[in-house]
């Protein structure tokens, strides 16, 4: 098994407004939009695909680590504040 991992295929990010969120990634971060419908958008950014998936309010992609610490909650909060400020 001499092959090496070239990249992570995708990251899934829950969003409430797919179209608004995808525009933000394109306009603010320079992501390339490769697909979009009512339920999801696929963006290419930093050599990775990001799937923006329509979700209900207050969803997150957080998890609790081995020591009981919740991870990534600050990033989700910052993204929501940033998106709301551009409505």
PDB file of N, CA and C in Angstrom:
ATOM      1  N   UNK A   1       0.836  -1.174   0.000  1.00  0.00           N
ATOM      2  CA  UNK A   1       0.000   0.000   0.000  1.00  0.00           C
ATOM      3  C   UNK A   1       0.881   1.237   0.000  1.00  0.00           C
ATOM      4  N   UNK A   2       1.518   1.542  -1.105  1.00  0.00           N
ATOM      5  CA  UNK A   2       2.426   2.657  -1.205  1.00  0.00           C
ATOM      6  C   UNK A   2       1.784   3.958  -1.657  1.00  0.00           C
ATOM      7  N   UNK A   3       0.449   3.967  -1.788  1.00  0.00           N
ATOM      8  CA  UNK A   3      -0.225   5.186  -2.232  1.00  0.00           C
ATOM      9  C   UNK A   3      -0.381   6.156  -1.070  1.00  0.00           C
ATOM     10  N   UNK A   4      -0.373   7.449  -1.389  1.00  0.00           N
ATOM     11  CA  UNK A   4      -0.606   8.430  -0.349  1.00  0.00           C
ATOM     12  C   UNK A   4      -1.914   9.159  -0.615  1.00  0.00           C
ATOM     13  N   UNK A   5      -2.516   9.655   0.432  1.00  0.00           N
ATOM     14  CA  UNK A   5      -3.746  10.412   0.325  1.00  0.00           C
ATOM     15  C   UNK A   5      -3.449  11.755  -0.315  1.00  0.00           C
ATOM     16  N   UNK A   6      -4.166  12.095  -1.382  1.00  0.00           N
ATOM     17  CA  UNK A   6      -3.926  13.344  -2.086  1.00  0.00           C
ATOM     18  C   UNK A   6      -4.756  14.500  -1.543  1.00  0.00           C
ATOM     19  N   UNK A   7      -5.961  14.197  -1.075  1.00  0.00           N
ATOM     20  CA  UNK A   7      -6.810  15.253  -0.534  1.00  0.00           C
ATOM     21  C   UNK A   7      -8.008  14.640   0.173  1.00  0.00           C
ATOM     22  N   UNK A   8      -8.645  15.429   1.017  1.00  0.00           N
ATOM     23  CA  UNK A   8      -9.911  15.030   1.627  1.00  0.00           C
ATOM     24  C   UNK A   8     -10.989  15.334   0.597  1.00  0.00           C
ATOM     25  N   UNK A   9     -11.881  14.410   0.366  1.00  0.00           N
ATOM     26  CA  UNK A   9     -12.868  14.570  -0.687  1.00  0.00           C
ATOM     27  C   UNK A   9     -13.850  15.701  -0.472  1.00  0.00           C
ATOM     28  N   UNK A  10     -14.432  15.809   0.716  1.00  0.00           N
ATOM     29  CA  UNK A  10     -15.447  16.830   0.936  1.00  0.00           C
ATOM     30  C   UNK A  10     -15.663  17.063   2.420  1.00  0.00           C
ATOM     31  N   UNK A  11     -16.161  18.244   2.712  1.00  0.00           N
ATOM     32  CA  UNK A  11     -16.625  18.583   4.053  1.00  0.00           C
ATOM     33  C   UNK A  11     -18.082  18.999   3.908  1.00  0.00           C
ATOM     34  N   UNK A  12     -18.924  18.578   4.827  1.00  0.00           N
ATOM     35  CA  UNK A  12     -20.341  18.902   4.795  1.00  0.00           C
ATOM     36  C   UNK A  12     -20.624  19.980   5.820  1.00  0.00           C
ATOM     37  N   UNK A  13     -21.294  21.055   5.385  1.00  0.00           N
ATOM     38  CA  UNK A  13     -21.601  22.180   6.265  1.00  0.00           C
ATOM     39  C   UNK A  13     -23.112  22.411   6.231  1.00  0.00           C
ATOM     40  N   UNK A  14     -23.781  22.326   7.387  1.00  0.00           N
ATOM     41  CA  UNK A  14     -25.221  22.579   7.401  1.00  0.00           C
ATOM     42  C   UNK A  14     -25.495  24.074   7.256  1.00  0.00           C
ATOM     43  N   UNK A  15     -26.458  24.424   6.396  1.00  0.00           N
ATOM     44  CA  UNK A  15     -26.853  25.823   6.184  1.00  0.00           C
ATOM     45  C   UNK A  15     -28.375  25.904   6.108  1.00  0.00           C
ATOM     46  N   UNK A  16     -28.907  27.071   6.402  1.00  0.00           N
ATOM     47  CA  UNK A  16     -30.349  27.274   6.312  1.00  0.00           C
ATOM     48  C   UNK A  16     -30.728  27.728   4.904  1.00  0.00           C
ATOM     49  N   UNK A  17     -29.952  28.644   4.338  1.00  0.00           N
ATOM     50  CA  UNK A  17     -30.228  29.202   3.014  1.00  0.00           C
ATOM     51  C   UNK A  17     -29.088  28.802   2.070  1.00  0.00           C
ATOM     52  N   UNK A  18     -29.343  27.813   1.233  1.00  0.00           N
ATOM     53  CA  UNK A  18     -28.302  27.292   0.340  1.00  0.00           C
ATOM     54  C   UNK A  18     -27.804  28.358  -0.624  1.00  0.00           C
ATOM     55  N   UNK A  19     -28.724  29.055  -1.284  1.00  0.00           N
ATOM     56  CA  UNK A  19     -28.306  30.037  -2.293  1.00  0.00           C
ATOM     57  C   UNK A  19     -27.530  31.197  -1.666  1.00  0.00           C
ATOM     58  N   UNK A  20     -28.032  31.744  -0.571  1.00  0.00           N
ATOM     59  CA  UNK A  20     -27.357  32.851   0.108  1.00  0.00           C
ATOM     60  C   UNK A  20     -25.972  32.416   0.608  1.00  0.00           C
ATOM     61  N   UNK A  21     -25.905  31.235   1.184  1.00  0.00           N
ATOM     62  CA  UNK A  21     -24.630  30.733   1.713  1.00  0.00           C
ATOM     63  C   UNK A  21     -23.619  30.492   0.606  1.00  0.00           C
ATOM     64  N   UNK A  22     -24.070  29.909  -0.506  1.00  0.00           N
ATOM     65  CA  UNK A  22     -23.132  29.649  -1.598  1.00  0.00           C
ATOM     66  C   UNK A  22     -22.609  30.948  -2.191  1.00  0.00           C
ATOM     67  N   UNK A  23     -23.475  31.960  -2.296  1.00  0.00           N
ATOM     68  CA  UNK A  23     -23.020  33.266  -2.795  1.00  0.00           C
ATOM     69  C   UNK A  23     -21.964  33.857  -1.875  1.00  0.00           C
ATOM     70  N   UNK A  24     -22.144  33.690  -0.574  1.00  0.00           N
ATOM     71  CA  UNK A  24     -21.174  34.209   0.394  1.00  0.00           C
ATOM     72  C   UNK A  24     -19.812  33.538   0.199  1.00  0.00           C
ATOM     73  N   UNK A  25     -19.788  32.217   0.064  1.00  0.00           N
ATOM     74  CA  UNK A  25     -18.527  31.500  -0.143  1.00  0.00           C
ATOM     75  C   UNK A  25     -17.844  31.935  -1.441  1.00  0.00           C
ATOM     76  N   UNK A  26     -18.637  32.132  -2.482  1.00  0.00           N
ATOM     77  CA  UNK A  26     -18.081  32.550  -3.773  1.00  0.00           C
ATOM     78  C   UNK A  26     -17.546  33.977  -3.687  1.00  0.00           C
ATOM     79  N   UNK A  27     -18.365  34.900  -3.179  1.00  0.00           N
ATOM     80  CA  UNK A  27     -17.992  36.319  -3.166  1.00  0.00           C
ATOM     81  C   UNK A  27     -16.948  36.683  -2.118  1.00  0.00           C
ATOM     82  N   UNK A  28     -17.011  36.081  -0.952  1.00  0.00           N
ATOM     83  CA  UNK A  28     -16.107  36.454   0.142  1.00  0.00           C
ATOM     84  C   UNK A  28     -14.835  35.612   0.199  1.00  0.00           C
ATOM     85  N   UNK A  29     -14.929  34.345  -0.191  1.00  0.00           N
ATOM     86  CA  UNK A  29     -13.779  33.445  -0.062  1.00  0.00           C
ATOM     87  C   UNK A  29     -13.192  33.014  -1.404  1.00  0.00           C
ATOM     88  N   UNK A  30     -13.872  33.359  -2.498  1.00  0.00           N
ATOM     89  CA  UNK A  30     -13.355  32.992  -3.811  1.00  0.00           C
ATOM     90  C   UNK A  30     -13.579  31.544  -4.193  1.00  0.00           C
ATOM     91  N   UNK A  31     -14.543  30.892  -3.558  1.00  0.00           N
ATOM     92  CA  UNK A  31     -14.851  29.496  -3.894  1.00  0.00           C
ATOM     93  C   UNK A  31     -15.471  29.429  -5.282  1.00  0.00           C
ATOM     94  N   UNK A  32     -15.325  28.284  -5.937  1.00  0.00           N
ATOM     95  CA  UNK A  32     -15.937  28.046  -7.242  1.00  0.00           C
ATOM     96  C   UNK A  32     -17.170  27.176  -7.055  1.00  0.00           C
ATOM     97  N   UNK A  33     -18.306  27.661  -7.518  1.00  0.00           N
ATOM     98  CA  UNK A  33     -19.559  26.910  -7.430  1.00  0.00           C
ATOM     99  C   UNK A  33     -19.613  25.901  -8.571  1.00  0.00           C
ATOM    100  N   UNK A  34     -19.730  24.614  -8.243  1.00  0.00           N
ATOM    101  CA  UNK A  34     -19.795  23.611  -9.306  1.00  0.00           C
ATOM    102  C   UNK A  34     -21.176  23.003  -9.463  1.00  0.00           C
ATOM    103  N   UNK A  35     -22.038  23.109  -8.431  1.00  0.00           N
ATOM    104  CA  UNK A  35     -23.406  22.592  -8.529  1.00  0.00           C
ATOM    105  C   UNK A  35     -24.248  23.230  -7.441  1.00  0.00           C
ATOM    106  N   UNK A  36     -25.542  23.463  -7.761  1.00  0.00           N
ATOM    107  CA  UNK A  36     -26.451  23.984  -6.746  1.00  0.00           C
ATOM    108  C   UNK A  36     -27.881  23.622  -7.097  1.00  0.00           C
ATOM    109  N   UNK A  37     -28.650  23.202  -6.106  1.00  0.00           N
ATOM    110  CA  UNK A  37     -30.090  23.046  -6.242  1.00  0.00           C
ATOM    111  C   UNK A  37     -30.723  23.539  -4.938  1.00  0.00           C
ATOM    112  N   UNK A  38     -31.995  23.244  -4.706  1.00  0.00           N
ATOM    113  CA  UNK A  38     -32.679  23.741  -3.514  1.00  0.00           C
ATOM    114  C   UNK A  38     -32.091  23.192  -2.213  1.00  0.00           C
ATOM    115  N   UNK A  39     -31.544  21.994  -2.259  1.00  0.00           N
ATOM    116  CA  UNK A  39     -31.121  21.308  -1.044  1.00  0.00           C
ATOM    117  C   UNK A  39     -29.632  21.325  -0.768  1.00  0.00           C
ATOM    118  N   UNK A  40     -28.826  21.657  -1.763  1.00  0.00           N
ATOM    119  CA  UNK A  40     -27.376  21.585  -1.553  1.00  0.00           C
ATOM    120  C   UNK A  40     -26.631  22.415  -2.583  1.00  0.00           C
ATOM    121  N   UNK A  41     -25.403  22.746  -2.242  1.00  0.00           N
ATOM    122  CA  UNK A  41     -24.483  23.380  -3.180  1.00  0.00           C
ATOM    123  C   UNK A  41     -23.135  22.709  -3.002  1.00  0.00           C
ATOM    124  N   UNK A  42     -22.424  22.556  -4.089  1.00  0.00           N
ATOM    125  CA  UNK A  42     -21.079  21.983  -4.041  1.00  0.00           C
ATOM    126  C   UNK A  42     -20.111  23.063  -4.497  1.00  0.00           C
ATOM    127  N   UNK A  43     -19.179  23.387  -3.619  1.00  0.00           N
ATOM    128  CA  UNK A  43     -18.192  24.425  -3.888  1.00  0.00           C
ATOM    129  C   UNK A  43     -16.810  23.822  -3.840  1.00  0.00           C
ATOM    130  N   UNK A  44     -15.919  24.333  -4.656  1.00  0.00           N
ATOM    131  CA  UNK A  44     -14.517  23.920  -4.616  1.00  0.00           C
ATOM    132  C   UNK A  44     -13.714  25.084  -4.058  1.00  0.00           C
ATOM    133  N   UNK A  45     -12.951  24.797  -3.029  1.00  0.00           N
ATOM    134  CA  UNK A  45     -12.222  25.833  -2.319  1.00  0.00           C
ATOM    135  C   UNK A  45     -11.040  25.205  -1.602  1.00  0.00           C
ATOM    136  N   UNK A  46      -9.871  25.784  -1.762  1.00  0.00           N
ATOM    137  CA  UNK A  46      -8.656  25.324  -1.071  1.00  0.00           C
ATOM    138  C   UNK A  46      -8.403  23.840  -1.312  1.00  0.00           C
ATOM    139  N   UNK A  47      -8.531  23.420  -2.565  1.00  0.00           N
ATOM    140  CA  UNK A  47      -8.294  22.034  -2.971  1.00  0.00           C
ATOM    141  C   UNK A  47      -9.192  21.041  -2.235  1.00  0.00           C
ATOM    142  N   UNK A  48     -10.416  21.475  -1.937  1.00  0.00           N
ATOM    143  CA  UNK A  48     -11.379  20.614  -1.260  1.00  0.00           C
ATOM    144  C   UNK A  48     -12.776  20.956  -1.747  1.00  0.00           C
ATOM    145  N   UNK A  49     -13.662  19.969  -1.768  1.00  0.00           N
ATOM    146  CA  UNK A  49     -15.067  20.221  -2.069  1.00  0.00           C
ATOM    147  C   UNK A  49     -15.803  20.456  -0.760  1.00  0.00           C
ATOM    148  N   UNK A  50     -16.642  21.480  -0.756  1.00  0.00           N
ATOM    149  CA  UNK A  50     -17.461  21.788   0.405  1.00  0.00           C
ATOM    150  C   UNK A  50     -18.912  21.631  -0.017  1.00  0.00           C
ATOM    151  N   UNK A  51     -19.644  20.786   0.698  1.00  0.00           N
ATOM    152  CA  UNK A  51     -21.061  20.590   0.423  1.00  0.00           C
ATOM    153  C   UNK A  51     -21.842  21.414   1.438  1.00  0.00           C
ATOM    154  N   UNK A  52     -22.589  22.402   0.949  1.00  0.00           N
ATOM    155  CA  UNK A  52     -23.495  23.161   1.802  1.00  0.00           C
ATOM    156  C   UNK A  52     -24.838  22.444   1.735  1.00  0.00           C
ATOM    157  N   UNK A  53     -25.288  21.909   2.848  1.00  0.00           N
ATOM    158  CA  UNK A  53     -26.487  21.077   2.877  1.00  0.00           C
ATOM    159  C   UNK A  53     -27.592  21.794   3.654  1.00  0.00           C
ATOM    160  N   UNK A  54     -28.750  21.946   3.017  1.00  0.00           N
ATOM    161  CA  UNK A  54     -29.876  22.612   3.664  1.00  0.00           C
ATOM    162  C   UNK A  54     -30.254  21.845   4.925  1.00  0.00           C
ATOM    163  N   UNK A  55     -30.376  22.583   6.029  1.00  0.00           N
ATOM    164  CA  UNK A  55     -30.719  21.954   7.298  1.00  0.00           C
ATOM    165  C   UNK A  55     -31.685  22.846   8.054  1.00  0.00           C
ATOM    166  N   UNK A  56     -32.222  22.317   9.117  1.00  0.00           N
ATOM    167  CA  UNK A  56     -33.086  23.094   9.988  1.00  0.00           C
ATOM    168  C   UNK A  56     -32.230  24.051  10.802  1.00  0.00           C
ATOM    169  N   UNK A  57     -32.862  25.052  11.403  1.00  0.00           N
ATOM    170  CA  UNK A  57     -32.129  26.013  12.225  1.00  0.00           C
ATOM    171  C   UNK A  57     -31.457  25.317  13.402  1.00  0.00           C
ATOM    172  N   UNK A  58     -30.383  25.920  13.858  1.00  0.00           N
ATOM    173  CA  UNK A  58     -29.632  25.474  15.042  1.00  0.00           C
ATOM    174  C   UNK A  58     -28.970  24.112  14.883  1.00  0.00           C
ATOM    175  N   UNK A  59     -28.697  23.702  13.654  1.00  0.00           N
ATOM    176  CA  UNK A  59     -27.941  22.479  13.424  1.00  0.00           C
ATOM    177  C   UNK A  59     -26.463  22.834  13.387  1.00  0.00           C
ATOM    178  N   UNK A  60     -25.627  21.870  13.641  1.00  0.00           N
ATOM    179  CA  UNK A  60     -24.189  22.123  13.587  1.00  0.00           C
ATOM    180  C   UNK A  60     -23.470  20.866  13.136  1.00  0.00           C
ATOM    181  N   UNK A  61     -22.221  21.039  12.844  1.00  0.00           N
ATOM    182  CA  UNK A  61     -21.380  19.891  12.497  1.00  0.00           C
ATOM    183  C   UNK A  61     -20.419  19.610  13.650  1.00  0.00           C
ATOM    184  N   UNK A  62     -20.833  19.944  14.850  1.00  0.00           N
ATOM    185  CA  UNK A  62     -20.000  19.744  16.041  1.00  0.00           C
ATOM    186  C   UNK A  62     -19.924  18.280  16.429  1.00  0.00           C
ATOM    187  N   UNK A  63     -18.930  17.967  17.205  1.00  0.00           N
ATOM    188  CA  UNK A  63     -18.842  16.656  17.824  1.00  0.00           C
ATOM    189  C   UNK A  63     -18.147  16.818  19.160  1.00  0.00           C
ATOM    190  N   UNK A  64     -18.309  15.828  20.009  1.00  0.00           N
ATOM    191  CA  UNK A  64     -17.660  15.829  21.315  1.00  0.00           C
ATOM    192  C   UNK A  64     -16.453  14.908  21.229  1.00  0.00           C
ATOM    193  N   UNK A  65     -15.282  15.432  21.608  1.00  0.00           N
ATOM    194  CA  UNK A  65     -14.073  14.621  21.522  1.00  0.00           C
ATOM    195  C   UNK A  65     -13.968  13.646  22.699  1.00  0.00           C
ATOM    196  N   UNK A  66     -12.931  12.871  22.698  1.00  0.00           N
ATOM    197  CA  UNK A  66     -12.701  11.834  23.701  1.00  0.00           C
ATOM    198  C   UNK A  66     -12.759  12.386  25.121  1.00  0.00           C
ATOM    199  N   UNK A  67     -12.335  13.634  25.303  1.00  0.00           N
ATOM    200  CA  UNK A  67     -12.277  14.239  26.636  1.00  0.00           C
ATOM    201  C   UNK A  67     -13.546  15.004  26.995  1.00  0.00           C
ATOM    202  N   UNK A  68     -14.576  14.917  26.146  1.00  0.00           N
ATOM    203  CA  UNK A  68     -15.839  15.565  26.442  1.00  0.00           C
ATOM    204  C   UNK A  68     -15.928  17.011  25.989  1.00  0.00           C
ATOM    205  N   UNK A  69     -14.949  17.474  25.225  1.00  0.00           N
ATOM    206  CA  UNK A  69     -14.950  18.844  24.727  1.00  0.00           C
ATOM    207  C   UNK A  69     -15.673  18.917  23.387  1.00  0.00           C
ATOM    208  N   UNK A  70     -16.570  19.893  23.242  1.00  0.00           N
ATOM    209  CA  UNK A  70     -17.253  20.088  21.976  1.00  0.00           C
ATOM    210  C   UNK A  70     -16.320  20.819  21.017  1.00  0.00           C
ATOM    211  N   UNK A  71     -16.238  20.348  19.801  1.00  0.00           N
ATOM    212  CA  UNK A  71     -15.336  20.914  18.798  1.00  0.00           C
ATOM    213  C   UNK A  71     -16.105  21.614  17.696  1.00  0.00           C
ATOM    214  N   UNK A  72     -15.550  22.711  17.196  1.00  0.00           N
ATOM    215  CA  UNK A  72     -16.015  23.474  16.043  1.00  0.00           C
ATOM    216  C   UNK A  72     -17.233  24.347  16.303  1.00  0.00           C
ATOM    217  N   UNK A  73     -17.723  24.453  17.522  1.00  0.00           N
ATOM    218  CA  UNK A  73     -18.913  25.263  17.757  1.00  0.00           C
ATOM    219  C   UNK A  73     -18.670  26.747  17.520  1.00  0.00           C
ATOM    220  N   UNK A  74     -17.482  27.270  17.769  1.00  0.00           N
ATOM    221  CA  UNK A  74     -17.214  28.690  17.545  1.00  0.00           C
ATOM    222  C   UNK A  74     -17.235  29.038  16.070  1.00  0.00           C
ATOM    223  N   UNK A  75     -16.741  28.144  15.218  1.00  0.00           N
ATOM    224  CA  UNK A  75     -16.708  28.426  13.785  1.00  0.00           C
ATOM    225  C   UNK A  75     -18.126  28.546  13.241  1.00  0.00           C
ATOM    226  N   UNK A  76     -18.998  27.650  13.610  1.00  0.00           N
ATOM    227  CA  UNK A  76     -20.383  27.679  13.133  1.00  0.00           C
ATOM    228  C   UNK A  76     -21.045  28.989  13.555  1.00  0.00           C
ATOM    229  N   UNK A  77     -20.839  29.384  14.803  1.00  0.00           N
ATOM    230  CA  UNK A  77     -21.417  30.624  15.307  1.00  0.00           C
ATOM    231  C   UNK A  77     -20.904  31.826  14.527  1.00  0.00           C
ATOM    232  N   UNK A  78     -19.610  31.871  14.241  1.00  0.00           N
ATOM    233  CA  UNK A  78     -19.025  32.980  13.487  1.00  0.00           C
ATOM    234  C   UNK A  78     -19.583  33.031  12.073  1.00  0.00           C
ATOM    235  N   UNK A  79     -19.744  31.858  11.416  1.00  0.00           N
ATOM    236  CA  UNK A  79     -20.297  31.828  10.070  1.00  0.00           C
ATOM    237  C   UNK A  79     -21.713  32.376  10.072  1.00  0.00           C
ATOM    238  N   UNK A  80     -22.538  31.950  11.047  1.00  0.00           N
ATOM    239  CA  UNK A  80     -23.916  32.424  11.102  1.00  0.00           C
ATOM    240  C   UNK A  80     -23.973  33.939  11.290  1.00  0.00           C
ATOM    241  N   UNK A  81     -23.166  34.481  12.188  1.00  0.00           N
ATOM    242  CA  UNK A  81     -23.141  35.928  12.411  1.00  0.00           C
ATOM    243  C   UNK A  81     -22.719  36.657  11.150  1.00  0.00           C
ATOM    244  N   UNK A  82     -21.713  36.147  10.462  1.00  0.00           N
ATOM    245  CA  UNK A  82     -21.214  36.778   9.249  1.00  0.00           C
ATOM    246  C   UNK A  82     -22.284  36.756   8.160  1.00  0.00           C
ATOM    247  N   UNK A  83     -22.957  35.635   7.988  1.00  0.00           N
ATOM    248  CA  UNK A  83     -23.990  35.541   6.965  1.00  0.00           C
ATOM    249  C   UNK A  83     -25.154  36.473   7.286  1.00  0.00           C
ATOM    250  N   UNK A  84     -25.557  36.542   8.553  1.00  0.00           N
ATOM    251  CA  UNK A  84     -26.667  37.424   8.946  1.00  0.00           C
ATOM    252  C   UNK A  84     -26.321  38.880   8.696  1.00  0.00           C
ATOM    253  N   UNK A  85     -25.065  39.245   8.897  1.00  0.00           N
ATOM    254  CA  UNK A  85     -24.671  40.635   8.702  1.00  0.00           C
ATOM    255  C   UNK A  85     -24.711  41.046   7.233  1.00  0.00           C
ATOM    256  N   UNK A  86     -24.764  40.076   6.326  1.00  0.00           N
ATOM    257  CA  UNK A  86     -24.778  40.379   4.891  1.00  0.00           C
ATOM    258  C   UNK A  86     -26.163  40.193   4.266  1.00  0.00           C
ATOM    259  N   UNK A  87     -27.199  39.998   5.097  1.00  0.00           N
ATOM    260  CA  UNK A  87     -28.565  39.840   4.572  1.00  0.00           C
ATOM    261  C   UNK A  87     -29.138  41.163   4.154  1.00  0.00           C
TER     262      UNK A  87
END
